[in-house]
C-alpha cells in the first residue's frame, strides 16, 4: 500500500494551521492567496499574506517566510487566461505552476 510522507491543505486567503496527526505524516502549513488577482499557492509559510497586492509582492512575501510559491490554475476561466502569458513571463521567484486542477472539470476553463 502506498502512503504519503507530507500533506499541505490550502484554502483561499486562509492559513491552514498544522498539528500532529500521525508521526508518519508531516503536515505543512499553507494558503492559496487568491483575492485581487491570479491565485498563488503558498506552501510552508508561517503568517497570512495580504492578498490584495501585486502578485510579485505576494511571491516575494512567500519567499521571505521561507515558503514556496506555486502559480495556480493558469487555464481557469472561459477565456483560459487566469494568468496572462505576459504576467507569467514577468514574475520571478515562483517555484512552479499547477498543471492540473480537478475543480475545472466541473467549471469553465481547461483543467490542464
PDB file of N, CA and C in Angstrom:
ATOM      1  N   UNK A   1       0.841  -1.176   0.000  1.00  0.00           N
ATOM      2  CA  UNK A   1       0.000   0.000   0.000  1.00  0.00           C
ATOM      3  C   UNK A   1       0.886   1.240   0.000  1.00  0.00           C
ATOM      4  N   UNK A   2       0.589   2.170  -0.885  1.00  0.00           N
ATOM      5  CA  UNK A   2       1.345   3.413  -0.994  1.00  0.00           C
ATOM      6  C   UNK A   2       0.865   4.392   0.077  1.00  0.00           C
ATOM      7  N   UNK A   3       1.807   5.107   0.661  1.00  0.00           N
ATOM      8  CA  UNK A   3       1.444   6.098   1.668  1.00  0.00           C
ATOM      9  C   UNK A   3       2.099   7.431   1.324  1.00  0.00           C
ATOM     10  N   UNK A   4       1.686   8.466   2.000  1.00  0.00           N
ATOM     11  CA  UNK A   4       2.205   9.813   1.789  1.00  0.00           C
ATOM     12  C   UNK A   4       3.106  10.190   2.952  1.00  0.00           C
ATOM     13  N   UNK A   5       4.096  11.028   2.667  1.00  0.00           N
ATOM     14  CA  UNK A   5       5.021  11.495   3.694  1.00  0.00           C
ATOM     15  C   UNK A   5       4.628  12.857   4.247  1.00  0.00           C
ATOM     16  N   UNK A   6       3.963  13.680   3.417  1.00  0.00           N
ATOM     17  CA  UNK A   6       3.587  15.021   3.867  1.00  0.00           C
ATOM     18  C   UNK A   6       2.259  15.431   3.242  1.00  0.00           C
ATOM     19  N   UNK A   7       1.634  16.445   3.846  1.00  0.00           N
ATOM     20  CA  UNK A   7       0.346  16.947   3.384  1.00  0.00           C
ATOM     21  C   UNK A   7       0.284  18.443   3.614  1.00  0.00           C
ATOM     22  N   UNK A   8      -0.181  19.173   2.588  1.00  0.00           N
ATOM     23  CA  UNK A   8      -0.437  20.609   2.699  1.00  0.00           C
ATOM     24  C   UNK A   8      -1.891  20.827   2.308  1.00  0.00           C
ATOM     25  N   UNK A   9      -2.678  21.447   3.165  1.00  0.00           N
ATOM     26  CA  UNK A   9      -4.057  21.784   2.861  1.00  0.00           C
ATOM     27  C   UNK A   9      -4.122  23.296   2.703  1.00  0.00           C
ATOM     28  N   UNK A  10      -4.626  23.752   1.545  1.00  0.00           N
ATOM     29  CA  UNK A  10      -4.715  25.193   1.307  1.00  0.00           C
ATOM     30  C   UNK A  10      -6.162  25.596   1.077  1.00  0.00           C
ATOM     31  N   UNK A  11      -6.499  26.787   1.515  1.00  0.00           N
ATOM     32  CA  UNK A  11      -7.811  27.368   1.290  1.00  0.00           C
ATOM     33  C   UNK A  11      -7.595  28.813   0.884  1.00  0.00           C
ATOM     34  N   UNK A  12      -8.590  29.403   0.232  1.00  0.00           N
ATOM     35  CA  UNK A  12      -8.462  30.773  -0.253  1.00  0.00           C
ATOM     36  C   UNK A  12      -8.304  31.759   0.897  1.00  0.00           C
ATOM     37  N   UNK A  13      -7.159  32.410   0.915  1.00  0.00           N
ATOM     38  CA  UNK A  13      -6.846  33.505   1.838  1.00  0.00           C
ATOM     39  C   UNK A  13      -7.005  33.134   3.315  1.00  0.00           C
ATOM     40  N   UNK A  14      -6.761  31.872   3.615  1.00  0.00           N
ATOM     41  CA  UNK A  14      -6.769  31.387   4.997  1.00  0.00           C
ATOM     42  C   UNK A  14      -5.543  30.516   5.195  1.00  0.00           C
ATOM     43  N   UNK A  15      -4.814  30.764   6.264  1.00  0.00           N
ATOM     44  CA  UNK A  15      -3.652  29.943   6.581  1.00  0.00           C
ATOM     45  C   UNK A  15      -4.124  28.702   7.322  1.00  0.00           C
ATOM     46  N   UNK A  16      -3.794  27.542   6.798  1.00  0.00           N
ATOM     47  CA  UNK A  16      -4.189  26.294   7.431  1.00  0.00           C
ATOM     48  C   UNK A  16      -3.186  25.948   8.520  1.00  0.00           C
ATOM     49  N   UNK A  17      -3.628  25.947   9.773  1.00  0.00           N
ATOM     50  CA  UNK A  17      -2.712  25.586  10.863  1.00  0.00           C
ATOM     51  C   UNK A  17      -2.425  24.092  10.825  1.00  0.00           C
ATOM     52  N   UNK A  18      -1.318  23.720  11.395  1.00  0.00           N
ATOM     53  CA  UNK A  18      -0.977  22.294  11.413  1.00  0.00           C
ATOM     54  C   UNK A  18      -0.820  21.830  12.843  1.00  0.00           C
ATOM     55  N   UNK A  19      -1.098  20.582  13.034  1.00  0.00           N
ATOM     56  CA  UNK A  19      -0.935  19.935  14.329  1.00  0.00           C
ATOM     57  C   UNK A  19      -0.564  18.491  14.074  1.00  0.00           C
ATOM     58  N   UNK A  20      -0.214  17.800  15.093  1.00  0.00           N
ATOM     59  CA  UNK A  20       0.199  16.404  14.936  1.00  0.00           C
ATOM     60  C   UNK A  20      -1.014  15.537  14.624  1.00  0.00           C
ATOM     61  N   UNK A  21      -0.952  14.815  13.537  1.00  0.00           N
ATOM     62  CA  UNK A  21      -1.991  13.853  13.181  1.00  0.00           C
ATOM     63  C   UNK A  21      -1.446  12.454  13.364  1.00  0.00           C
ATOM     64  N   UNK A  22      -0.239  12.269  12.887  1.00  0.00           N
ATOM     65  CA  UNK A  22       0.376  10.949  12.898  1.00  0.00           C
ATOM     66  C   UNK A  22       1.872  11.166  12.771  1.00  0.00           C
ATOM     67  N   UNK A  23       2.655  10.472  13.544  1.00  0.00           N
ATOM     68  CA  UNK A  23       4.110  10.663  13.498  1.00  0.00           C
ATOM     69  C   UNK A  23       4.701  10.287  12.144  1.00  0.00           C
ATOM     70  N   UNK A  24       3.946   9.595  11.305  1.00  0.00           N
ATOM     71  CA  UNK A  24       4.432   9.204   9.984  1.00  0.00           C
ATOM     72  C   UNK A  24       4.084  10.218   8.899  1.00  0.00           C
ATOM     73  N   UNK A  25       3.305  11.251   9.219  1.00  0.00           N
ATOM     74  CA  UNK A  25       2.862  12.223   8.226  1.00  0.00           C
ATOM     75  C   UNK A  25       3.282  13.628   8.644  1.00  0.00           C
ATOM     76  N   UNK A  26       4.030  14.300   7.809  1.00  0.00           N
ATOM     77  CA  UNK A  26       4.454  15.672   8.077  1.00  0.00           C
ATOM     78  C   UNK A  26       3.384  16.608   7.532  1.00  0.00           C
ATOM     79  N   UNK A  27       2.826  17.465   8.383  1.00  0.00           N
ATOM     80  CA  UNK A  27       1.846  18.458   7.963  1.00  0.00           C
ATOM     81  C   UNK A  27       2.556  19.789   7.751  1.00  0.00           C
ATOM     82  N   UNK A  28       2.294  20.428   6.619  1.00  0.00           N
ATOM     83  CA  UNK A  28       2.950  21.672   6.253  1.00  0.00           C
ATOM     84  C   UNK A  28       1.877  22.758   6.159  1.00  0.00           C
ATOM     85  N   UNK A  29       2.087  23.925   6.790  1.00  0.00           N
ATOM     86  CA  UNK A  29       1.099  24.999   6.682  1.00  0.00           C
ATOM     87  C   UNK A  29       1.043  25.548   5.262  1.00  0.00           C
ATOM     88  N   UNK A  30      -0.129  26.021   4.869  1.00  0.00           N
ATOM     89  CA  UNK A  30      -0.269  26.565   3.528  1.00  0.00           C
ATOM     90  C   UNK A  30      -1.481  27.460   3.386  1.00  0.00           C
ATOM     91  N   UNK A  31      -1.537  28.140   2.231  1.00  0.00           N
ATOM     92  CA  UNK A  31      -2.617  29.074   1.924  1.00  0.00           C
ATOM     93  C   UNK A  31      -2.669  29.241   0.410  1.00  0.00           C
ATOM     94  N   UNK A  32      -3.862  29.450  -0.139  1.00  0.00           N
ATOM     95  CA  UNK A  32      -3.981  29.859  -1.533  1.00  0.00           C
ATOM     96  C   UNK A  32      -4.344  31.338  -1.533  1.00  0.00           C
ATOM     97  N   UNK A  33      -3.372  32.170  -1.824  1.00  0.00           N
ATOM     98  CA  UNK A  33      -3.575  33.616  -1.853  1.00  0.00           C
ATOM     99  C   UNK A  33      -4.350  33.919  -3.129  1.00  0.00           C
ATOM    100  N   UNK A  34      -5.584  34.434  -2.982  1.00  0.00           N
ATOM    101  CA  UNK A  34      -6.442  34.496  -4.163  1.00  0.00           C
ATOM    102  C   UNK A  34      -7.108  35.846  -4.427  1.00  0.00           C
ATOM    103  N   UNK A  35      -7.519  36.574  -3.418  1.00  0.00           N
ATOM    104  CA  UNK A  35      -8.267  37.812  -3.655  1.00  0.00           C
ATOM    105  C   UNK A  35      -7.402  38.826  -4.394  1.00  0.00           C
ATOM    106  N   UNK A  36      -7.983  39.441  -5.414  1.00  0.00           N
ATOM    107  CA  UNK A  36      -7.296  40.532  -6.085  1.00  0.00           C
ATOM    108  C   UNK A  36      -6.449  40.161  -7.280  1.00  0.00           C
ATOM    109  N   UNK A  37      -6.431  38.891  -7.697  1.00  0.00           N
ATOM    110  CA  UNK A  37      -5.617  38.547  -8.863  1.00  0.00           C
ATOM    111  C   UNK A  37      -5.442  37.058  -9.010  1.00  0.00           C
ATOM    112  N   UNK A  38      -4.473  36.691  -9.828  1.00  0.00           N
ATOM    113  CA  UNK A  38      -4.160  35.283 -10.039  1.00  0.00           C
ATOM    114  C   UNK A  38      -3.834  34.612  -8.720  1.00  0.00           C
ATOM    115  N   UNK A  39      -4.252  33.375  -8.579  1.00  0.00           N
ATOM    116  CA  UNK A  39      -4.068  32.650  -7.326  1.00  0.00           C
ATOM    117  C   UNK A  39      -2.639  32.126  -7.209  1.00  0.00           C
ATOM    118  N   UNK A  40      -2.077  32.259  -6.007  1.00  0.00           N
ATOM    119  CA  UNK A  40      -0.732  31.776  -5.720  1.00  0.00           C
ATOM    120  C   UNK A  40      -0.819  30.855  -4.505  1.00  0.00           C
ATOM    121  N   UNK A  41      -0.416  29.609  -4.665  1.00  0.00           N
ATOM    122  CA  UNK A  41      -0.390  28.669  -3.554  1.00  0.00           C
ATOM    123  C   UNK A  41       0.901  28.905  -2.773  1.00  0.00           C
ATOM    124  N   UNK A  42       0.755  29.122  -1.482  1.00  0.00           N
ATOM    125  CA  UNK A  42       1.893  29.373  -0.593  1.00  0.00           C
ATOM    126  C   UNK A  42       2.075  28.157   0.303  1.00  0.00           C
ATOM    127  N   UNK A  43       3.182  27.469   0.143  1.00  0.00           N
ATOM    128  CA  UNK A  43       3.477  26.256   0.907  1.00  0.00           C
ATOM    129  C   UNK A  43       4.571  26.569   1.919  1.00  0.00           C
ATOM    130  N   UNK A  44       4.322  26.230   3.179  1.00  0.00           N
ATOM    131  CA  UNK A  44       5.344  26.369   4.206  1.00  0.00           C
ATOM    132  C   UNK A  44       5.493  27.766   4.776  1.00  0.00           C
ATOM    133  N   UNK A  45       4.444  28.574   4.691  1.00  0.00           N
ATOM    134  CA  UNK A  45       4.512  29.918   5.271  1.00  0.00           C
ATOM    135  C   UNK A  45       4.080  29.879   6.735  1.00  0.00           C
ATOM    136  N   UNK A  46       4.430  30.936   7.465  1.00  0.00           N
ATOM    137  CA  UNK A  46       4.091  30.990   8.885  1.00  0.00           C
ATOM    138  C   UNK A  46       3.036  32.038   9.197  1.00  0.00           C
ATOM    139  N   UNK A  47       2.917  33.049   8.329  1.00  0.00           N
ATOM    140  CA  UNK A  47       1.963  34.134   8.548  1.00  0.00           C
ATOM    141  C   UNK A  47       1.120  34.348   7.303  1.00  0.00           C
ATOM    142  N   UNK A  48      -0.135  34.726   7.504  1.00  0.00           N
ATOM    143  CA  UNK A  48      -1.040  35.014   6.395  1.00  0.00           C
ATOM    144  C   UNK A  48      -0.511  36.185   5.589  1.00  0.00           C
ATOM    145  N   UNK A  49      -0.674  36.134   4.287  1.00  0.00           N
ATOM    146  CA  UNK A  49      -0.197  37.176   3.386  1.00  0.00           C
ATOM    147  C   UNK A  49      -1.377  37.973   2.866  1.00  0.00           C
ATOM    148  N   UNK A  50      -1.257  39.300   2.902  1.00  0.00           N
ATOM    149  CA  UNK A  50      -2.308  40.182   2.380  1.00  0.00           C
ATOM    150  C   UNK A  50      -2.482  39.892   0.888  1.00  0.00           C
ATOM    151  N   UNK A  51      -3.688  39.490   0.459  1.00  0.00           N
ATOM    152  CA  UNK A  51      -3.870  39.088  -0.936  1.00  0.00           C
ATOM    153  C   UNK A  51      -4.042  40.236  -1.927  1.00  0.00           C
ATOM    154  N   UNK A  52      -4.475  41.381  -1.482  1.00  0.00           N
ATOM    155  CA  UNK A  52      -4.779  42.476  -2.417  1.00  0.00           C
ATOM    156  C   UNK A  52      -3.558  43.360  -2.640  1.00  0.00           C
ATOM    157  N   UNK A  53      -2.570  42.765  -3.280  1.00  0.00           N
ATOM    158  CA  UNK A  53      -1.346  43.481  -3.641  1.00  0.00           C
ATOM    159  C   UNK A  53      -0.799  42.841  -4.912  1.00  0.00           C
ATOM    160  N   UNK A  54       0.153  43.493  -5.559  1.00  0.00           N
ATOM    161  CA  UNK A  54       0.709  42.903  -6.786  1.00  0.00           C
ATOM    162  C   UNK A  54       1.229  41.491  -6.540  1.00  0.00           C
ATOM    163  N   UNK A  55       1.079  40.643  -7.538  1.00  0.00           N
ATOM    164  CA  UNK A  55       1.452  39.238  -7.390  1.00  0.00           C
ATOM    165  C   UNK A  55       2.939  39.059  -7.136  1.00  0.00           C
ATOM    166  N   UNK A  56       3.794  39.935  -7.674  1.00  0.00           N
ATOM    167  CA  UNK A  56       5.216  39.830  -7.376  1.00  0.00           C
ATOM    168  C   UNK A  56       5.474  40.069  -5.898  1.00  0.00           C
ATOM    169  N   UNK A  57       4.737  41.002  -5.293  1.00  0.00           N
ATOM    170  CA  UNK A  57       4.880  41.256  -3.858  1.00  0.00           C
ATOM    171  C   UNK A  57       4.456  40.034  -3.045  1.00  0.00           C
ATOM    172  N   UNK A  58       3.431  39.324  -3.517  1.00  0.00           N
ATOM    173  CA  UNK A  58       2.975  38.110  -2.830  1.00  0.00           C
ATOM    174  C   UNK A  58       4.044  37.019  -2.922  1.00  0.00           C
ATOM    175  N   UNK A  59       4.588  36.825  -4.106  1.00  0.00           N
ATOM    176  CA  UNK A  59       5.651  35.825  -4.273  1.00  0.00           C
ATOM    177  C   UNK A  59       6.839  36.183  -3.389  1.00  0.00           C
ATOM    178  N   UNK A  60       7.207  37.458  -3.359  1.00  0.00           N
ATOM    179  CA  UNK A  60       8.327  37.901  -2.521  1.00  0.00           C
ATOM    180  C   UNK A  60       8.044  37.642  -1.039  1.00  0.00           C
ATOM    181  N   UNK A  61       6.791  37.881  -0.610  1.00  0.00           N
ATOM    182  CA  UNK A  61       6.416  37.665   0.794  1.00  0.00           C
ATOM    183  C   UNK A  61       6.477  36.177   1.150  1.00  0.00           C
ATOM    184  N   UNK A  62       6.047  35.326   0.234  1.00  0.00           N
ATOM    185  CA  UNK A  62       6.127  33.880   0.456  1.00  0.00           C
ATOM    186  C   UNK A  62       7.581  33.458   0.618  1.00  0.00           C
ATOM    187  N   UNK A  63       8.424  33.913  -0.296  1.00  0.00           N
ATOM    188  CA  UNK A  63       9.850  33.570  -0.239  1.00  0.00           C
ATOM    189  C   UNK A  63      10.509  34.117   1.024  1.00  0.00           C
ATOM    190  N   UNK A  64      10.119  35.309   1.453  1.00  0.00           N
ATOM    191  CA  UNK A  64      10.692  35.910   2.661  1.00  0.00           C
ATOM    192  C   UNK A  64      10.377  35.085   3.905  1.00  0.00           C
ATOM    193  N   UNK A  65       9.254  34.358   3.876  1.00  0.00           N
ATOM    194  CA  UNK A  65       8.883  33.496   5.004  1.00  0.00           C
ATOM    195  C   UNK A  65       9.497  32.102   4.883  1.00  0.00           C
ATOM    196  N   UNK A  66      10.299  31.889   3.853  1.00  0.00           N
ATOM    197  CA  UNK A  66      10.891  30.573   3.647  1.00  0.00           C
ATOM    198  C   UNK A  66       9.955  29.593   2.972  1.00  0.00           C
ATOM    199  N   UNK A  67       8.876  30.107   2.401  1.00  0.00           N
ATOM    200  CA  UNK A  67       7.900  29.253   1.744  1.00  0.00           C
ATOM    201  C   UNK A  67       8.197  29.046   0.273  1.00  0.00           C
ATOM    202  N   UNK A  68       7.288  28.344  -0.380  1.00  0.00           N
ATOM    203  CA  UNK A  68       7.381  28.041  -1.802  1.00  0.00           C
ATOM    204  C   UNK A  68       6.122  28.567  -2.480  1.00  0.00           C
ATOM    205  N   UNK A  69       6.296  29.325  -3.564  1.00  0.00           N
ATOM    206  CA  UNK A  69       5.174  29.911  -4.304  1.00  0.00           C
ATOM    207  C   UNK A  69       4.906  29.099  -5.568  1.00  0.00           C
ATOM    208  N   UNK A  70       3.628  28.730  -5.764  1.00  0.00           N
ATOM    209  CA  UNK A  70       3.205  27.983  -6.942  1.00  0.00           C
ATOM    210  C   UNK A  70       2.015  28.710  -7.552  1.00  0.00           C
ATOM    211  N   UNK A  71       2.099  29.050  -8.836  1.00  0.00           N
ATOM    212  CA  UNK A  71       1.007  29.744  -9.517  1.00  0.00           C
ATOM    213  C   UNK A  71      -0.076  28.724  -9.849  1.00  0.00           C
ATOM    214  N   UNK A  72      -1.306  29.034  -9.448  1.00  0.00           N
ATOM    215  CA  UNK A  72      -2.394  28.064  -9.549  1.00  0.00           C
ATOM    216  C   UNK A  72      -3.236  28.251 -10.805  1.00  0.00           C
ATOM    217  N   UNK A  73      -3.704  27.128 -11.327  1.00  0.00           N
ATOM    218  CA  UNK A  73      -4.659  27.004 -12.439  1.00  0.00           C
ATOM    219  C   UNK A  73      -4.620  28.133 -13.473  1.00  0.00           C
ATOM    220  N   UNK A  74      -3.575  28.154 -14.307  1.00  0.00           N
ATOM    221  CA  UNK A  74      -3.463  29.217 -15.303  1.00  0.00           C
ATOM    222  C   UNK A  74      -4.559  29.191 -16.360  1.00  0.00           C
ATOM    223  N   UNK A  75      -5.189  28.052 -16.596  1.00  0.00           N
ATOM    224  CA  UNK A  75      -6.210  27.959 -17.637  1.00  0.00           C
ATOM    225  C   UNK A  75      -7.634  28.019 -17.098  1.00  0.00           C
ATOM    226  N   UNK A  76      -7.807  28.511 -15.885  1.00  0.00           N
ATOM    227  CA  UNK A  76      -9.136  28.586 -15.310  1.00  0.00           C
ATOM    228  C   UNK A  76      -9.886  29.772 -15.904  1.00  0.00           C
ATOM    229  N   UNK A  77     -11.116  29.579 -16.248  1.00  0.00           N
ATOM    230  CA  UNK A  77     -11.957  30.648 -16.791  1.00  0.00           C
ATOM    231  C   UNK A  77     -12.315  30.384 -18.237  1.00  0.00           C
ATOM    232  N   UNK A  78     -13.408  30.977 -18.666  1.00  0.00           N
ATOM    233  CA  UNK A  78     -13.879  30.765 -20.034  1.00  0.00           C
ATOM    234  C   UNK A  78     -12.864  31.201 -21.070  1.00  0.00           C
ATOM    235  N   UNK A  79     -12.101  32.231 -20.757  1.00  0.00           N
ATOM    236  CA  UNK A  79     -11.107  32.719 -21.720  1.00  0.00           C
ATOM    237  C   UNK A  79      -9.766  32.009 -21.549  1.00  0.00           C
ATOM    238  N   UNK A  80      -9.693  31.030 -20.643  1.00  0.00           N
ATOM    239  CA  UNK A  80      -8.494  30.230 -20.421  1.00  0.00           C
ATOM    240  C   UNK A  80      -7.277  31.088 -20.094  1.00  0.00           C
ATOM    241  N   UNK A  81      -7.476  32.131 -19.327  1.00  0.00           N
ATOM    242  CA  UNK A  81      -6.341  33.011 -19.047  1.00  0.00           C
ATOM    243  C   UNK A  81      -6.383  33.552 -17.614  1.00  0.00           C
ATOM    244  N   UNK A  82      -6.467  32.671 -16.644  1.00  0.00           N
ATOM    245  CA  UNK A  82      -6.413  33.101 -15.258  1.00  0.00           C
ATOM    246  C   UNK A  82      -5.092  33.824 -14.997  1.00  0.00           C
ATOM    247  N   UNK A  83      -4.047  33.390 -15.677  1.00  0.00           N
ATOM    248  CA  UNK A  83      -2.744  34.062 -15.665  1.00  0.00           C
ATOM    249  C   UNK A  83      -2.406  34.412 -17.108  1.00  0.00           C
ATOM    250  N   UNK A  84      -2.207  35.681 -17.394  1.00  0.00           N
ATOM    251  CA  UNK A  84      -1.784  36.096 -18.726  1.00  0.00           C
ATOM    252  C   UNK A  84      -0.331  35.668 -18.962  1.00  0.00           C
ATOM    253  N   UNK A  85      -0.018  35.248 -20.180  1.00  0.00           N
ATOM    254  CA  UNK A  85       1.335  34.810 -20.509  1.00  0.00           C
ATOM    255  C   UNK A  85       2.370  35.890 -20.180  1.00  0.00           C
ATOM    256  N   UNK A  86       2.062  37.130 -20.459  1.00  0.00           N
ATOM    257  CA  UNK A  86       2.989  38.230 -20.172  1.00  0.00           C
ATOM    258  C   UNK A  86       3.274  38.326 -18.673  1.00  0.00           C
ATOM    259  N   UNK A  87       2.236  38.150 -17.878  1.00  0.00           N
ATOM    260  CA  UNK A  87       2.412  38.195 -16.425  1.00  0.00           C
ATOM    261  C   UNK A  87       3.289  37.032 -15.944  1.00  0.00           C
ATOM    262  N   UNK A  88       3.047  35.831 -16.469  1.00  0.00           N
ATOM    263  CA  UNK A  88       3.866  34.675 -16.097  1.00  0.00           C
ATOM    264  C   UNK A  88       5.339  34.922 -16.433  1.00  0.00           C
ATOM    265  N   UNK A  89       5.591  35.526 -17.585  1.00  0.00           N
ATOM    266  CA  UNK A  89       6.966  35.782 -18.028  1.00  0.00           C
ATOM    267  C   UNK A  89       7.651  36.849 -17.173  1.00  0.00           C
ATOM    268  N   UNK A  90       6.880  37.788 -16.635  1.00  0.00           N
ATOM    269  CA  UNK A  90       7.465  38.885 -15.859  1.00  0.00           C
ATOM    270  C   UNK A  90       7.665  38.569 -14.383  1.00  0.00           C
ATOM    271  N   UNK A  91       6.917  37.613 -13.844  1.00  0.00           N
ATOM    272  CA  UNK A  91       7.056  37.270 -12.433  1.00  0.00           C
ATOM    273  C   UNK A  91       8.343  36.497 -12.192  1.00  0.00           C
ATOM    274  N   UNK A  92       8.928  36.695 -11.023  1.00  0.00           N
ATOM    275  CA  UNK A  92      10.164  35.995 -10.664  1.00  0.00           C
ATOM    276  C   UNK A  92      10.022  35.389  -9.280  1.00  0.00           C
ATOM    277  N   UNK A  93      10.721  34.279  -9.051  1.00  0.00           N
ATOM    278  CA  UNK A  93      10.801  33.708  -7.719  1.00  0.00           C
ATOM    279  C   UNK A  93       9.761  32.665  -7.392  1.00  0.00           C
ATOM    280  N   UNK A  94       8.896  32.301  -8.346  1.00  0.00           N
ATOM    281  CA  UNK A  94       7.947  31.227  -8.053  1.00  0.00           C
ATOM    282  C   UNK A  94       8.582  29.891  -8.426  1.00  0.00           C
ATOM    283  N   UNK A  95       8.147  28.840  -7.731  1.00  0.00           N
ATOM    284  CA  UNK A  95       8.784  27.533  -7.895  1.00  0.00           C
ATOM    285  C   UNK A  95       8.102  26.645  -8.914  1.00  0.00           C
ATOM    286  N   UNK A  96       6.842  26.946  -9.249  1.00  0.00           N
ATOM    287  CA  UNK A  96       6.145  26.078 -10.179  1.00  0.00           C
ATOM    288  C   UNK A  96       4.801  26.632 -10.592  1.00  0.00           C
ATOM    289  N   UNK A  97       4.165  25.903 -11.497  1.00  0.00           N
ATOM    290  CA  UNK A  97       2.836  26.240 -11.999  1.00  0.00           C
ATOM    291  C   UNK A  97       1.980  24.983 -11.899  1.00  0.00           C
ATOM    292  N   UNK A  98       0.781  25.127 -11.375  1.00  0.00           N
ATOM    293  CA  UNK A  98      -0.142  23.995 -11.285  1.00  0.00           C
ATOM    294  C   UNK A  98      -0.457  23.481 -12.690  1.00  0.00           C
ATOM    295  N   UNK A  99      -0.344  22.174 -12.898  1.00  0.00           N
ATOM    296  CA  UNK A  99      -0.578  21.601 -14.223  1.00  0.00           C
ATOM    297  C   UNK A  99      -1.939  20.911 -14.356  1.00  0.00           C
ATOM    298  N   UNK A 100      -2.647  20.697 -13.252  1.00  0.00           N
ATOM    299  CA  UNK A 100      -3.977  20.094 -13.326  1.00  0.00           C
ATOM    300  C   UNK A 100      -4.798  20.548 -12.135  1.00  0.00           C
ATOM    301  N   UNK A 101      -6.060  20.905 -12.384  1.00  0.00           N
ATOM    302  CA  UNK A 101      -6.978  21.293 -11.322  1.00  0.00           C
ATOM    303  C   UNK A 101      -8.302  20.600 -11.582  1.00  0.00           C
ATOM    304  N   UNK A 102      -8.639  19.629 -10.757  1.00  0.00           N
ATOM    305  CA  UNK A 102      -9.847  18.849 -10.951  1.00  0.00           C
ATOM    306  C   UNK A 102     -11.139  19.640 -10.842  1.00  0.00           C
ATOM    307  N   UNK A 103     -11.141  20.751 -10.101  1.00  0.00           N
ATOM    308  CA  UNK A 103     -12.340  21.583  -9.981  1.00  0.00           C
ATOM    309  C   UNK A 103     -12.793  22.093 -11.345  1.00  0.00           C
ATOM    310  N   UNK A 104     -11.845  22.332 -12.231  1.00  0.00           N
ATOM    311  CA  UNK A 104     -12.178  22.883 -13.531  1.00  0.00           C
ATOM    312  C   UNK A 104     -12.889  21.858 -14.408  1.00  0.00           C
ATOM    313  N   UNK A 105     -12.865  20.593 -14.030  1.00  0.00           N
ATOM    314  CA  UNK A 105     -13.641  19.601 -14.759  1.00  0.00           C
ATOM    315  C   UNK A 105     -15.130  19.918 -14.669  1.00  0.00           C
ATOM    316  N   UNK A 106     -15.541  20.623 -13.596  1.00  0.00           N
ATOM    317  CA  UNK A 106     -16.946  20.973 -13.396  1.00  0.00           C
ATOM    318  C   UNK A 106     -17.258  22.409 -13.812  1.00  0.00           C
ATOM    319  N   UNK A 107     -16.238  23.238 -13.967  1.00  0.00           N
ATOM    320  CA  UNK A 107     -16.428  24.662 -14.275  1.00  0.00           C
ATOM    321  C   UNK A 107     -15.827  24.990 -15.627  1.00  0.00           C
ATOM    322  N   UNK A 108     -15.936  26.254 -16.035  1.00  0.00           N
ATOM    323  CA  UNK A 108     -15.386  26.664 -17.326  1.00  0.00           C
ATOM    324  C   UNK A 108     -13.862  26.691 -17.254  1.00  0.00           C
ATOM    325  N   UNK A 109     -13.257  26.488 -18.393  1.00  0.00           N
ATOM    326  CA  UNK A 109     -11.811  26.503 -18.481  1.00  0.00           C
ATOM    327  C   UNK A 109     -11.268  25.147 -18.845  1.00  0.00           C
ATOM    328  N   UNK A 110      -9.981  25.003 -18.717  1.00  0.00           N
ATOM    329  CA  UNK A 110      -9.301  23.769 -19.072  1.00  0.00           C
ATOM    330  C   UNK A 110      -8.547  23.291 -17.846  1.00  0.00           C
ATOM    331  N   UNK A 111      -8.726  22.049 -17.401  1.00  0.00           N
ATOM    332  CA  UNK A 111      -8.059  21.581 -16.185  1.00  0.00           C
ATOM    333  C   UNK A 111      -6.563  21.404 -16.338  1.00  0.00           C
ATOM    334  N   UNK A 112      -6.049  21.358 -17.589  1.00  0.00           N
ATOM    335  CA  UNK A 112      -4.624  21.133 -17.827  1.00  0.00           C
ATOM    336  C   UNK A 112      -3.861  22.445 -17.891  1.00  0.00           C
TER     337      UNK A 112
END
